[in-house]
Every structure is written in C-alpha cells, then in structure tokens.
Amino acid sequence: KAIQAFERQLRYVDQDHAEAWRMLGKCHAENDEDRKAIACLERAVDRDPYSTEALLALAVSYVNELDYGRALHKLQAWIGHNPEF
C-alpha cells in the first residue's frame, strides 16, 4: 500500500517531490526490488543531490546489484555531503 501511495503522489500531485521518490525507492529496496529502487533513488538524487539518505540508500542498492563502481561514487558523494565527515 505504501508503494501505491507514493506512486499516486508522484503521478498526480508532484513528480518532482524528492522525498516521495526516496521513500518509493526505499519501499522497493525493502521488497528486494533493487532495480526499481535504483530508478526511484536516482530520481530522488537528481531532485535533491544533497540528500544523504537517498545517496546512502542508492549506494546500498548498487552494491546489491553488484555495481561497485556506482556504489563507490554514491558513497563518496554521501561523505562529501554529510556534515559529520
């Protein structure tokens, strides 16, 4: 139901809502649908390149898909945008 709610939000209300894209990606990742998660999380990062939550989730999904180069790139961006590092 969460996936449907986020899809409705993005389809009918605001296609550029970065947080909705991030949450939809997170839902897909939790369902082991990493390719769908990556597509959503990339949209989230496109709309908010400083979202550390989206960058980290995207890196994890890339690792799950064995795409270590992209995972490393997103982790580097996560470190660069994380004020604790």
C-alpha atoms as a PDB file:
ATOM      1  CA  LYS A   1       0.000   0.000   0.000  1.00  0.00           C
ATOM      2  CA  ALA A   2       2.873   2.370   0.689  1.00  0.00           C
ATOM      3  CA  ILE A   3       4.208   1.877  -2.829  1.00  0.00           C
ATOM      4  CA  GLN A   4       0.804   2.716  -4.299  1.00  0.00           C
ATOM      5  CA  ALA A   5       0.516   5.821  -2.119  1.00  0.00           C
ATOM      6  CA  PHE A   6       3.921   7.141  -3.189  1.00  0.00           C
ATOM      7  CA  GLU A   7       3.197   6.338  -6.834  1.00  0.00           C
ATOM      8  CA  ARG A   8      -0.086   8.274  -6.632  1.00  0.00           C
ATOM      9  CA  GLN A   9       1.697  11.226  -5.001  1.00  0.00           C
ATOM     10  CA  LEU A  10       4.292  11.288  -7.764  1.00  0.00           C
ATOM     11  CA  ARG A  11       1.817  10.708 -10.592  1.00  0.00           C
ATOM     12  CA  TYR A  12      -0.953  13.108  -9.597  1.00  0.00           C
ATOM     13  CA  VAL A  13       0.479  15.637  -7.150  1.00  0.00           C
ATOM     14  CA  ASP A  14       4.176  16.372  -7.619  1.00  0.00           C
ATOM     15  CA  GLN A  15       6.533  14.472  -9.907  1.00  0.00           C
ATOM     16  CA  ASP A  16       9.493  16.435  -8.532  1.00  0.00           C
ATOM     17  CA  HIS A  17       8.994  15.544  -4.859  1.00  0.00           C
ATOM     18  CA  ALA A  18      12.445  14.227  -3.908  1.00  0.00           C
ATOM     19  CA  GLU A  19      11.318  12.761  -0.593  1.00  0.00           C
ATOM     20  CA  ALA A  20       8.499  10.798  -2.246  1.00  0.00           C
ATOM     21  CA  TRP A  21      10.971   9.372  -4.778  1.00  0.00           C
ATOM     22  CA  ARG A  22      13.319   8.442  -1.905  1.00  0.00           C
ATOM     23  CA  MET A  23      10.576   6.735   0.074  1.00  0.00           C
ATOM     24  CA  LEU A  24       9.316   4.870  -3.005  1.00  0.00           C
ATOM     25  CA  GLY A  25      12.867   3.696  -3.655  1.00  0.00           C
ATOM     26  CA  LYS A  26      13.198   2.601  -0.048  1.00  0.00           C
ATOM     27  CA  CYS A  27       9.977   0.590  -0.325  1.00  0.00           C
ATOM     28  CA  HIS A  28      11.246  -1.155  -3.445  1.00  0.00           C
ATOM     29  CA  ALA A  29      14.590  -1.867  -1.763  1.00  0.00           C
ATOM     30  CA  GLU A  30      12.822  -3.396   1.235  1.00  0.00           C
ATOM     31  CA  ASN A  31      10.981  -5.686  -1.202  1.00  0.00           C
ATOM     32  CA  ASP A  32      14.310  -6.741  -2.782  1.00  0.00           C
ATOM     33  CA  GLU A  33      13.470  -4.883  -5.996  1.00  0.00           C
ATOM     34  CA  ASP A  34      16.797  -3.111  -6.285  1.00  0.00           C
ATOM     35  CA  ARG A  35      16.492  -2.168  -9.943  1.00  0.00           C
ATOM     36  CA  LYS A  36      13.234  -0.343  -9.236  1.00  0.00           C
ATOM     37  CA  ALA A  37      14.793   1.124  -6.099  1.00  0.00           C
ATOM     38  CA  ILE A  38      17.740   2.448  -8.102  1.00  0.00           C
ATOM     39  CA  ALA A  39      15.466   4.113 -10.648  1.00  0.00           C
ATOM     40  CA  CYS A  40      13.494   5.866  -7.892  1.00  0.00           C
ATOM     41  CA  LEU A  41      16.521   6.793  -5.804  1.00  0.00           C
ATOM     42  CA  GLU A  42      18.310   8.228  -8.852  1.00  0.00           C
ATOM     43  CA  ARG A  43      15.273  10.468  -9.380  1.00  0.00           C
ATOM     44  CA  ALA A  44      15.419  11.487  -5.724  1.00  0.00           C
ATOM     45  CA  VAL A  45      19.108  12.389  -6.004  1.00  0.00           C
ATOM     46  CA  ASP A  46      18.515  14.244  -9.280  1.00  0.00           C
ATOM     47  CA  ARG A  47      15.975  16.411  -7.472  1.00  0.00           C
ATOM     48  CA  ASP A  48      17.974  16.751  -4.226  1.00  0.00           C
ATOM     49  CA  PRO A  49      21.664  15.963  -4.743  1.00  0.00           C
ATOM     50  CA  TYR A  50      22.419  16.723  -1.075  1.00  0.00           C
ATOM     51  CA  SER A  51      20.050  14.096   0.365  1.00  0.00           C
ATOM     52  CA  THR A  52      22.390  11.907   2.367  1.00  0.00           C
ATOM     53  CA  GLU A  53      19.598   9.390   2.997  1.00  0.00           C
ATOM     54  CA  ALA A  54      18.928   8.960  -0.724  1.00  0.00           C
ATOM     55  CA  LEU A  55      22.648   8.757  -1.563  1.00  0.00           C
ATOM     56  CA  LEU A  56      23.272   6.062   1.035  1.00  0.00           C
ATOM     57  CA  ALA A  57      20.205   4.035   0.036  1.00  0.00           C
ATOM     58  CA  LEU A  58      21.261   4.300  -3.603  1.00  0.00           C
ATOM     59  CA  ALA A  59      24.765   3.066  -2.779  1.00  0.00           C
ATOM     60  CA  VAL A  60      23.314   0.065  -0.935  1.00  0.00           C
ATOM     61  CA  SER A  61      21.071  -0.816  -3.884  1.00  0.00           C
ATOM     62  CA  TYR A  62      24.036  -0.557  -6.249  1.00  0.00           C
ATOM     63  CA  VAL A  63      26.010  -2.939  -4.021  1.00  0.00           C
ATOM     64  CA  ASN A  64      23.070  -5.354  -4.053  1.00  0.00           C
ATOM     65  CA  GLU A  65      23.158  -5.237  -7.851  1.00  0.00           C
ATOM     66  CA  LEU A  66      26.960  -5.776  -7.779  1.00  0.00           C
ATOM     67  CA  ASP A  67      27.617  -2.369  -9.346  1.00  0.00           C
ATOM     68  CA  TYR A  68      30.516  -1.447  -7.093  1.00  0.00           C
ATOM     69  CA  GLY A  69      31.768   1.481  -9.159  1.00  0.00           C
ATOM     70  CA  ARG A  70      28.485   3.358  -8.929  1.00  0.00           C
ATOM     71  CA  ALA A  71      28.134   2.359  -5.267  1.00  0.00           C
ATOM     72  CA  LEU A  72      31.540   3.857  -4.501  1.00  0.00           C
ATOM     73  CA  HIS A  73      30.671   7.051  -6.387  1.00  0.00           C
ATOM     74  CA  LYS A  74      27.457   7.480  -4.375  1.00  0.00           C
ATOM     75  CA  LEU A  75      29.263   6.735  -1.103  1.00  0.00           C
ATOM     76  CA  GLN A  76      31.843   9.398  -1.944  1.00  0.00           C
ATOM     77  CA  ALA A  77      29.017  11.867  -2.589  1.00  0.00           C
ATOM     78  CA  TRP A  78      27.391  10.801   0.688  1.00  0.00           C
ATOM     79  CA  ILE A  79      30.615  11.509   2.591  1.00  0.00           C
ATOM     80  CA  GLY A  80      31.035  14.832   0.802  1.00  0.00           C
ATOM     81  CA  HIS A  81      27.524  15.976   1.731  1.00  0.00           C
ATOM     82  CA  ASN A  82      27.442  14.560   5.247  1.00  0.00           C
ATOM     83  CA  PRO A  83      28.326  17.287   7.757  1.00  0.00           C
ATOM     84  CA  GLU A  84      29.636  14.703  10.237  1.00  0.00           C
ATOM     85  CA  PHE A  85      32.565  13.792   7.965  1.00  0.00           C
END
